[in-house]
Amino acid sequence: MKARKKPVEIDFIPTANSKVEEVLDFCEGKAFINKYDQEMYIETLEGRMKVGKNDFIIRGVNGEFYPCKPDIFQKTYEVVRN
């Protein structure tokens, strides 16, 4: 058997070209900067995850947020509008 992903538009923000404040606003309180290591973390359905400096943060179809590595983003998504 085979299946194909349904085409779904998602909202995202690239961390590489965005101000920290913009990323935090996009994440609606689910992301924060850790005061001990000064890294960004985000609360996901799977738990707390570290956000890399070049990651994309995606808002899923149910309003959940999660980081996505650039290579996976490029293989999985096509930007349809800005």
PDB file of N, CA and C in Angstrom:
ATOM      1  N   MET A   1       0.844  -1.188   0.000  1.00  0.00           N
ATOM      2  CA  MET A   1       0.000   0.000   0.000  1.00  0.00           C
ATOM      3  C   MET A   1       0.884   1.244   0.000  1.00  0.00           C
ATOM      4  N   LYS A   2       0.357   2.277  -0.580  1.00  0.00           N
ATOM      5  CA  LYS A   2       1.033   3.575  -0.567  1.00  0.00           C
ATOM      6  C   LYS A   2       0.006   4.638  -0.258  1.00  0.00           C
ATOM      7  N   ALA A   3       0.489   5.736   0.289  1.00  0.00           N
ATOM      8  CA  ALA A   3      -0.373   6.878   0.576  1.00  0.00           C
ATOM      9  C   ALA A   3       0.388   8.143   0.229  1.00  0.00           C
ATOM     10  N   ARG A   4      -0.345   9.197  -0.026  1.00  0.00           N
ATOM     11  CA  ARG A   4       0.252  10.490  -0.330  1.00  0.00           C
ATOM     12  C   ARG A   4      -0.256  11.499   0.686  1.00  0.00           C
ATOM     13  N   LYS A   5       0.625  12.365   1.151  1.00  0.00           N
ATOM     14  CA  LYS A   5       0.216  13.424   2.064  1.00  0.00           C
ATOM     15  C   LYS A   5      -0.783  14.334   1.391  1.00  0.00           C
ATOM     16  N   LYS A   6      -1.824  14.685   2.115  1.00  0.00           N
ATOM     17  CA  LYS A   6      -2.800  15.637   1.588  1.00  0.00           C
ATOM     18  C   LYS A   6      -2.137  17.009   1.486  1.00  0.00           C
ATOM     19  N   PRO A   7      -2.454  17.763   0.455  1.00  0.00           N
ATOM     20  CA  PRO A   7      -1.878  19.111   0.369  1.00  0.00           C
ATOM     21  C   PRO A   7      -2.514  20.015   1.426  1.00  0.00           C
ATOM     22  N   VAL A   8      -1.685  20.535   2.290  1.00  0.00           N
ATOM     23  CA  VAL A   8      -2.149  21.391   3.381  1.00  0.00           C
ATOM     24  C   VAL A   8      -1.246  22.614   3.435  1.00  0.00           C
ATOM     25  N   GLU A   9      -1.833  23.794   3.508  1.00  0.00           N
ATOM     26  CA  GLU A   9      -1.038  25.002   3.701  1.00  0.00           C
ATOM     27  C   GLU A   9      -0.787  25.201   5.180  1.00  0.00           C
ATOM     28  N   ILE A  10       0.448  25.550   5.510  1.00  0.00           N
ATOM     29  CA  ILE A  10       0.828  25.798   6.906  1.00  0.00           C
ATOM     30  C   ILE A  10       1.388  27.219   7.003  1.00  0.00           C
ATOM     31  N   ASP A  11       1.380  27.765   8.200  1.00  0.00           N
ATOM     32  CA  ASP A  11       2.052  29.026   8.478  1.00  0.00           C
ATOM     33  C   ASP A  11       3.414  28.680   9.054  1.00  0.00           C
ATOM     34  N   PHE A  12       4.430  29.484   8.708  1.00  0.00           N
ATOM     35  CA  PHE A  12       5.767  29.226   9.232  1.00  0.00           C
ATOM     36  C   PHE A  12       6.523  30.536   9.360  1.00  0.00           C
ATOM     37  N   ILE A  13       7.622  30.473  10.118  1.00  0.00           N
ATOM     38  CA  ILE A  13       8.539  31.602  10.219  1.00  0.00           C
ATOM     39  C   ILE A  13       9.955  31.039  10.234  1.00  0.00           C
ATOM     40  N   PRO A  14      10.848  31.595   9.406  1.00  0.00           N
ATOM     41  CA  PRO A  14      12.242  31.154   9.440  1.00  0.00           C
ATOM     42  C   PRO A  14      12.966  31.855  10.584  1.00  0.00           C
ATOM     43  N   THR A  15      13.690  31.110  11.386  1.00  0.00           N
ATOM     44  CA  THR A  15      14.408  31.747  12.492  1.00  0.00           C
ATOM     45  C   THR A  15      15.645  32.487  12.004  1.00  0.00           C
ATOM     46  N   ALA A  16      16.213  32.068  10.873  1.00  0.00           N
ATOM     47  CA  ALA A  16      17.457  32.666  10.378  1.00  0.00           C
ATOM     48  C   ALA A  16      17.306  34.130   9.997  1.00  0.00           C
ATOM     49  N   ASN A  17      16.190  34.514   9.423  1.00  0.00           N
ATOM     50  CA  ASN A  17      16.022  35.884   8.930  1.00  0.00           C
ATOM     51  C   ASN A  17      14.984  36.676   9.707  1.00  0.00           C
ATOM     52  N   SER A  18      14.663  36.244  10.898  1.00  0.00           N
ATOM     53  CA  SER A  18      13.627  36.905  11.689  1.00  0.00           C
ATOM     54  C   SER A  18      14.201  37.398  13.010  1.00  0.00           C
ATOM     55  N   LYS A  19      13.625  38.470  13.512  1.00  0.00           N
ATOM     56  CA  LYS A  19      13.996  38.951  14.837  1.00  0.00           C
ATOM     57  C   LYS A  19      13.417  38.012  15.886  1.00  0.00           C
ATOM     58  N   VAL A  20      14.111  37.869  16.989  1.00  0.00           N
ATOM     59  CA  VAL A  20      13.669  36.980  18.064  1.00  0.00           C
ATOM     60  C   VAL A  20      12.253  37.333  18.498  1.00  0.00           C
ATOM     61  N   GLU A  21      11.953  38.616  18.605  1.00  0.00           N
ATOM     62  CA  GLU A  21      10.627  39.044  19.043  1.00  0.00           C
ATOM     63  C   GLU A  21       9.543  38.579  18.066  1.00  0.00           C
ATOM     64  N   GLU A  22       9.846  38.621  16.766  1.00  0.00           N
ATOM     65  CA  GLU A  22       8.889  38.158  15.753  1.00  0.00           C
ATOM     66  C   GLU A  22       8.612  36.668  15.900  1.00  0.00           C
ATOM     67  N   VAL A  23       9.667  35.902  16.144  1.00  0.00           N
ATOM     68  CA  VAL A  23       9.514  34.456  16.307  1.00  0.00           C
ATOM     69  C   VAL A  23       8.691  34.152  17.552  1.00  0.00           C
ATOM     70  N   LEU A  24       8.998  34.819  18.649  1.00  0.00           N
ATOM     71  CA  LEU A  24       8.259  34.590  19.893  1.00  0.00           C
ATOM     72  C   LEU A  24       6.789  34.972  19.734  1.00  0.00           C
ATOM     73  N   ASP A  25       6.514  36.082  19.055  1.00  0.00           N
ATOM     74  CA  ASP A  25       5.119  36.488  18.796  1.00  0.00           C
ATOM     75  C   ASP A  25       4.397  35.449  17.949  1.00  0.00           C
ATOM     76  N   PHE A  26       5.056  34.953  16.906  1.00  0.00           N
ATOM     77  CA  PHE A  26       4.461  33.949  16.024  1.00  0.00           C
ATOM     78  C   PHE A  26       4.054  32.708  16.813  1.00  0.00           C
ATOM     79  N   CYS A  27       4.857  32.351  17.812  1.00  0.00           N
ATOM     80  CA  CYS A  27       4.639  31.115  18.582  1.00  0.00           C
ATOM     81  C   CYS A  27       3.599  31.250  19.688  1.00  0.00           C
ATOM     82  N   GLU A  28       3.018  32.399  19.833  1.00  0.00           N
ATOM     83  CA  GLU A  28       1.891  32.607  20.744  1.00  0.00           C
ATOM     84  C   GLU A  28       2.137  32.069  22.156  1.00  0.00           C
ATOM     85  N   GLY A  29       3.319  32.364  22.691  1.00  0.00           N
ATOM     86  CA  GLY A  29       3.631  31.966  24.059  1.00  0.00           C
ATOM     87  C   GLY A  29       4.177  30.560  24.214  1.00  0.00           C
ATOM     88  N   LYS A  30       4.324  29.829  23.131  1.00  0.00           N
ATOM     89  CA  LYS A  30       4.834  28.453  23.201  1.00  0.00           C
ATOM     90  C   LYS A  30       6.358  28.382  23.110  1.00  0.00           C
ATOM     91  N   ALA A  31       7.014  29.490  22.745  1.00  0.00           N
ATOM     92  CA  ALA A  31       8.472  29.521  22.632  1.00  0.00           C
ATOM     93  C   ALA A  31       9.034  30.494  23.655  1.00  0.00           C
ATOM     94  N   PHE A  32      10.276  30.248  24.059  1.00  0.00           N
ATOM     95  CA  PHE A  32      10.934  31.112  25.024  1.00  0.00           C
ATOM     96  C   PHE A  32      12.440  30.996  24.874  1.00  0.00           C
ATOM     97  N   ILE A  33      13.139  31.986  25.407  1.00  0.00           N
ATOM     98  CA  ILE A  33      14.598  31.955  25.459  1.00  0.00           C
ATOM     99  C   ILE A  33      14.988  31.475  26.847  1.00  0.00           C
ATOM    100  N   ASN A  34      15.773  30.409  26.914  1.00  0.00           N
ATOM    101  CA  ASN A  34      16.232  29.859  28.189  1.00  0.00           C
ATOM    102  C   ASN A  34      17.301  30.782  28.763  1.00  0.00           C
ATOM    103  N   LYS A  35      17.119  31.224  29.986  1.00  0.00           N
ATOM    104  CA  LYS A  35      18.051  32.188  30.577  1.00  0.00           C
ATOM    105  C   LYS A  35      19.418  31.579  30.882  1.00  0.00           C
ATOM    106  N   TYR A  36      19.517  30.263  30.944  1.00  0.00           N
ATOM    107  CA  TYR A  36      20.798  29.631  31.273  1.00  0.00           C
ATOM    108  C   TYR A  36      21.699  29.442  30.059  1.00  0.00           C
ATOM    109  N   ASP A  37      21.134  29.037  28.924  1.00  0.00           N
ATOM    110  CA  ASP A  37      21.974  28.821  27.737  1.00  0.00           C
ATOM    111  C   ASP A  37      21.672  29.803  26.604  1.00  0.00           C
ATOM    112  N   GLN A  38      20.710  30.712  26.816  1.00  0.00           N
ATOM    113  CA  GLN A  38      20.333  31.741  25.832  1.00  0.00           C
ATOM    114  C   GLN A  38      19.871  31.141  24.505  1.00  0.00           C
ATOM    115  N   GLU A  39      19.379  29.916  24.537  1.00  0.00           N
ATOM    116  CA  GLU A  39      18.855  29.255  23.343  1.00  0.00           C
ATOM    117  C   GLU A  39      17.327  29.312  23.360  1.00  0.00           C
ATOM    118  N   MET A  40      16.733  29.217  22.172  1.00  0.00           N
ATOM    119  CA  MET A  40      15.281  29.217  22.073  1.00  0.00           C
ATOM    120  C   MET A  40      14.765  27.784  22.183  1.00  0.00           C
ATOM    121  N   TYR A  41      13.664  27.640  22.904  1.00  0.00           N
ATOM    122  CA  TYR A  41      12.980  26.356  23.038  1.00  0.00           C
ATOM    123  C   TYR A  41      11.508  26.579  22.725  1.00  0.00           C
ATOM    124  N   ILE A  42      10.849  25.506  22.312  1.00  0.00           N
ATOM    125  CA  ILE A  42       9.435  25.593  21.998  1.00  0.00           C
ATOM    126  C   ILE A  42       8.717  24.379  22.576  1.00  0.00           C
ATOM    127  N   GLU A  43       7.533  24.625  23.100  1.00  0.00           N
ATOM    128  CA  GLU A  43       6.697  23.544  23.626  1.00  0.00           C
ATOM    129  C   GLU A  43       5.931  22.942  22.459  1.00  0.00           C
ATOM    130  N   THR A  44       6.130  21.649  22.219  1.00  0.00           N
ATOM    131  CA  THR A  44       5.452  20.954  21.132  1.00  0.00           C
ATOM    132  C   THR A  44       4.554  19.873  21.716  1.00  0.00           C
ATOM    133  N   LEU A  45       3.815  19.198  20.860  1.00  0.00           N
ATOM    134  CA  LEU A  45       2.979  18.088  21.324  1.00  0.00           C
ATOM    135  C   LEU A  45       3.826  16.947  21.869  1.00  0.00           C
ATOM    136  N   GLU A  46       5.082  16.864  21.423  1.00  0.00           N
ATOM    137  CA  GLU A  46       5.996  15.809  21.883  1.00  0.00           C
ATOM    138  C   GLU A  46       6.847  16.243  23.073  1.00  0.00           C
ATOM    139  N   GLY A  47       6.668  17.471  23.541  1.00  0.00           N
ATOM    140  CA  GLY A  47       7.465  17.989  24.651  1.00  0.00           C
ATOM    141  C   GLY A  47       8.281  19.189  24.221  1.00  0.00           C
ATOM    142  N   ARG A  48       9.181  19.619  25.083  1.00  0.00           N
ATOM    143  CA  ARG A  48      10.005  20.796  24.821  1.00  0.00           C
ATOM    144  C   ARG A  48      11.125  20.439  23.850  1.00  0.00           C
ATOM    145  N   MET A  49      11.304  21.291  22.822  1.00  0.00           N
ATOM    146  CA  MET A  49      12.348  21.054  21.828  1.00  0.00           C
ATOM    147  C   MET A  49      13.181  22.317  21.641  1.00  0.00           C
ATOM    148  N   LYS A  50      14.482  22.126  21.426  1.00  0.00           N
ATOM    149  CA  LYS A  50      15.386  23.237  21.150  1.00  0.00           C
ATOM    150  C   LYS A  50      15.210  23.654  19.695  1.00  0.00           C
ATOM    151  N   VAL A  51      15.214  24.960  19.459  1.00  0.00           N
ATOM    152  CA  VAL A  51      15.072  25.508  18.117  1.00  0.00           C
ATOM    153  C   VAL A  51      16.450  25.921  17.621  1.00  0.00           C
ATOM    154  N   GLY A  52      16.868  25.369  16.478  1.00  0.00           N
ATOM    155  CA  GLY A  52      18.153  25.724  15.893  1.00  0.00           C
ATOM    156  C   GLY A  52      18.115  27.092  15.239  1.00  0.00           C
ATOM    157  N   LYS A  53      19.274  27.688  15.054  1.00  0.00           N
ATOM    158  CA  LYS A  53      19.365  29.042  14.509  1.00  0.00           C
ATOM    159  C   LYS A  53      18.877  29.149  13.068  1.00  0.00           C
ATOM    160  N   ASN A  54      18.839  28.057  12.324  1.00  0.00           N
ATOM    161  CA  ASN A  54      18.370  28.087  10.939  1.00  0.00           C
ATOM    162  C   ASN A  54      17.072  27.315  10.744  1.00  0.00           C
ATOM    163  N   ASP A  55      16.447  26.900  11.835  1.00  0.00           N
ATOM    164  CA  ASP A  55      15.206  26.131  11.740  1.00  0.00           C
ATOM    165  C   ASP A  55      14.048  27.002  11.264  1.00  0.00           C
ATOM    166  N   PHE A  56      13.012  26.333  10.818  1.00  0.00           N
ATOM    167  CA  PHE A  56      11.733  26.962  10.523  1.00  0.00           C
ATOM    168  C   PHE A  56      10.782  26.536  11.634  1.00  0.00           C
ATOM    169  N   ILE A  57       9.972  27.449  12.116  1.00  0.00           N
ATOM    170  CA  ILE A  57       8.942  27.070  13.076  1.00  0.00           C
ATOM    171  C   ILE A  57       7.633  27.023  12.325  1.00  0.00           C
ATOM    172  N   ILE A  58       6.956  25.891  12.468  1.00  0.00           N
ATOM    173  CA  ILE A  58       5.723  25.633  11.726  1.00  0.00           C
ATOM    174  C   ILE A  58       4.552  25.595  12.693  1.00  0.00           C
ATOM    175  N   ARG A  59       3.446  26.206  12.267  1.00  0.00           N
ATOM    176  CA  ARG A  59       2.185  26.067  12.996  1.00  0.00           C
ATOM    177  C   ARG A  59       1.414  24.978  12.255  1.00  0.00           C
ATOM    178  N   GLY A  60       1.145  23.889  12.943  1.00  0.00           N
ATOM    179  CA  GLY A  60       0.478  22.753  12.325  1.00  0.00           C
ATOM    180  C   GLY A  60      -1.010  22.981  12.107  1.00  0.00           C
ATOM    181  N   VAL A  61      -1.657  21.989  11.524  1.00  0.00           N
ATOM    182  CA  VAL A  61      -3.069  22.111  11.154  1.00  0.00           C
ATOM    183  C   VAL A  61      -3.998  22.245  12.358  1.00  0.00           C
ATOM    184  N   ASN A  62      -3.539  21.841  13.533  1.00  0.00           N
ATOM    185  CA  ASN A  62      -4.346  21.971  14.742  1.00  0.00           C
ATOM    186  C   ASN A  62      -3.860  23.098  15.650  1.00  0.00           C
ATOM    187  N   GLY A  63      -3.018  23.991  15.109  1.00  0.00           N
ATOM    188  CA  GLY A  63      -2.525  25.126  15.882  1.00  0.00           C
ATOM    189  C   GLY A  63      -1.299  24.831  16.710  1.00  0.00           C
ATOM    190  N   GLU A  64      -0.753  23.629  16.601  1.00  0.00           N
ATOM    191  CA  GLU A  64       0.445  23.266  17.353  1.00  0.00           C
ATOM    192  C   GLU A  64       1.683  23.838  16.655  1.00  0.00           C
ATOM    193  N   PHE A  65       2.762  24.000  17.398  1.00  0.00           N
ATOM    194  CA  PHE A  65       4.013  24.539  16.857  1.00  0.00           C
ATOM    195  C   PHE A  65       5.111  23.509  16.988  1.00  0.00           C
ATOM    196  N   TYR A  66       6.031  23.529  16.014  1.00  0.00           N
ATOM    197  CA  TYR A  66       7.200  22.655  16.108  1.00  0.00           C
ATOM    198  C   TYR A  66       8.291  23.177  15.186  1.00  0.00           C
ATOM    199  N   PRO A  67       9.570  22.924  15.560  1.00  0.00           N
ATOM    200  CA  PRO A  67      10.682  23.334  14.707  1.00  0.00           C
ATOM    201  C   PRO A  67      10.906  22.315  13.600  1.00  0.00           C
ATOM    202  N   CYS A  68      11.436  22.795  12.497  1.00  0.00           N
ATOM    203  CA  CYS A  68      11.728  21.935  11.349  1.00  0.00           C
ATOM    204  C   CYS A  68      13.103  22.325  10.809  1.00  0.00           C
ATOM    205  N   LYS A  69      13.982  21.359  10.621  1.00  0.00           N
ATOM    206  CA  LYS A  69      15.312  21.623  10.076  1.00  0.00           C
ATOM    207  C   LYS A  69      15.193  22.093   8.627  1.00  0.00           C
ATOM    208  N   PRO A  70      16.106  22.959   8.182  1.00  0.00           N
ATOM    209  CA  PRO A  70      16.008  23.534   6.831  1.00  0.00           C
ATOM    210  C   PRO A  70      15.960  22.489   5.711  1.00  0.00           C
ATOM    211  N   ASP A  71      16.751  21.436   5.800  1.00  0.00           N
ATOM    212  CA  ASP A  71      16.761  20.444   4.724  1.00  0.00           C
ATOM    213  C   ASP A  71      15.436  19.699   4.634  1.00  0.00           C
ATOM    214  N   ILE A  72      14.828  19.414   5.770  1.00  0.00           N
ATOM    215  CA  ILE A  72      13.526  18.742   5.784  1.00  0.00           C
ATOM    216  C   ILE A  72      12.449  19.692   5.265  1.00  0.00           C
ATOM    217  N   PHE A  73      12.528  20.968   5.664  1.00  0.00           N
ATOM    218  CA  PHE A  73      11.558  21.956   5.189  1.00  0.00           C
ATOM    219  C   PHE A  73      11.602  22.047   3.662  1.00  0.00           C
ATOM    220  N   GLN A  74      12.811  22.129   3.102  1.00  0.00           N
ATOM    221  CA  GLN A  74      12.960  22.266   1.648  1.00  0.00           C
ATOM    222  C   GLN A  74      12.432  21.042   0.897  1.00  0.00           C
ATOM    223  N   LYS A  75      12.577  19.854   1.488  1.00  0.00           N
ATOM    224  CA  LYS A  75      12.103  18.622   0.855  1.00  0.00           C
ATOM    225  C   LYS A  75      10.589  18.450   0.979  1.00  0.00           C
ATOM    226  N   THR A  76      10.007  19.050   2.017  1.00  0.00           N
ATOM    227  CA  THR A  76       8.604  18.795   2.341  1.00  0.00           C
ATOM    228  C   THR A  76       7.662  19.907   1.904  1.00  0.00           C
ATOM    229  N   TYR A  77       8.132  21.153   1.907  1.00  0.00           N
ATOM    230  CA  TYR A  77       7.242  22.289   1.674  1.00  0.00           C
ATOM    231  C   TYR A  77       7.664  23.121   0.475  1.00  0.00           C
ATOM    232  N   GLU A  78       6.694  23.758  -0.133  1.00  0.00           N
ATOM    233  CA  GLU A  78       6.902  24.725  -1.196  1.00  0.00           C
ATOM    234  C   GLU A  78       6.233  26.017  -0.746  1.00  0.00           C
ATOM    235  N   VAL A  79       6.969  27.106  -0.726  1.00  0.00           N
ATOM    236  CA  VAL A  79       6.401  28.381  -0.305  1.00  0.00           C
ATOM    237  C   VAL A  79       5.424  28.847  -1.376  1.00  0.00           C
ATOM    238  N   VAL A  80       4.182  29.088  -0.969  1.00  0.00           N
ATOM    239  CA  VAL A  80       3.139  29.473  -1.926  1.00  0.00           C
ATOM    240  C   VAL A  80       2.834  30.960  -1.913  1.00  0.00           C
ATOM    241  N   ARG A  81       3.125  31.626  -0.823  1.00  0.00           N
ATOM    242  CA  ARG A  81       2.940  33.081  -0.755  1.00  0.00           C
ATOM    243  C   ARG A  81       3.656  33.613   0.471  1.00  0.00           C
ATOM    244  N   ASN A  82       3.954  34.905   0.432  1.00  0.00           N
ATOM    245  CA  ASN A  82       4.620  35.584   1.546  1.00  0.00           C
ATOM    246  C   ASN A  82       3.628  36.347   2.365  1.00  0.00           C
TER     247      ASN A  82
END
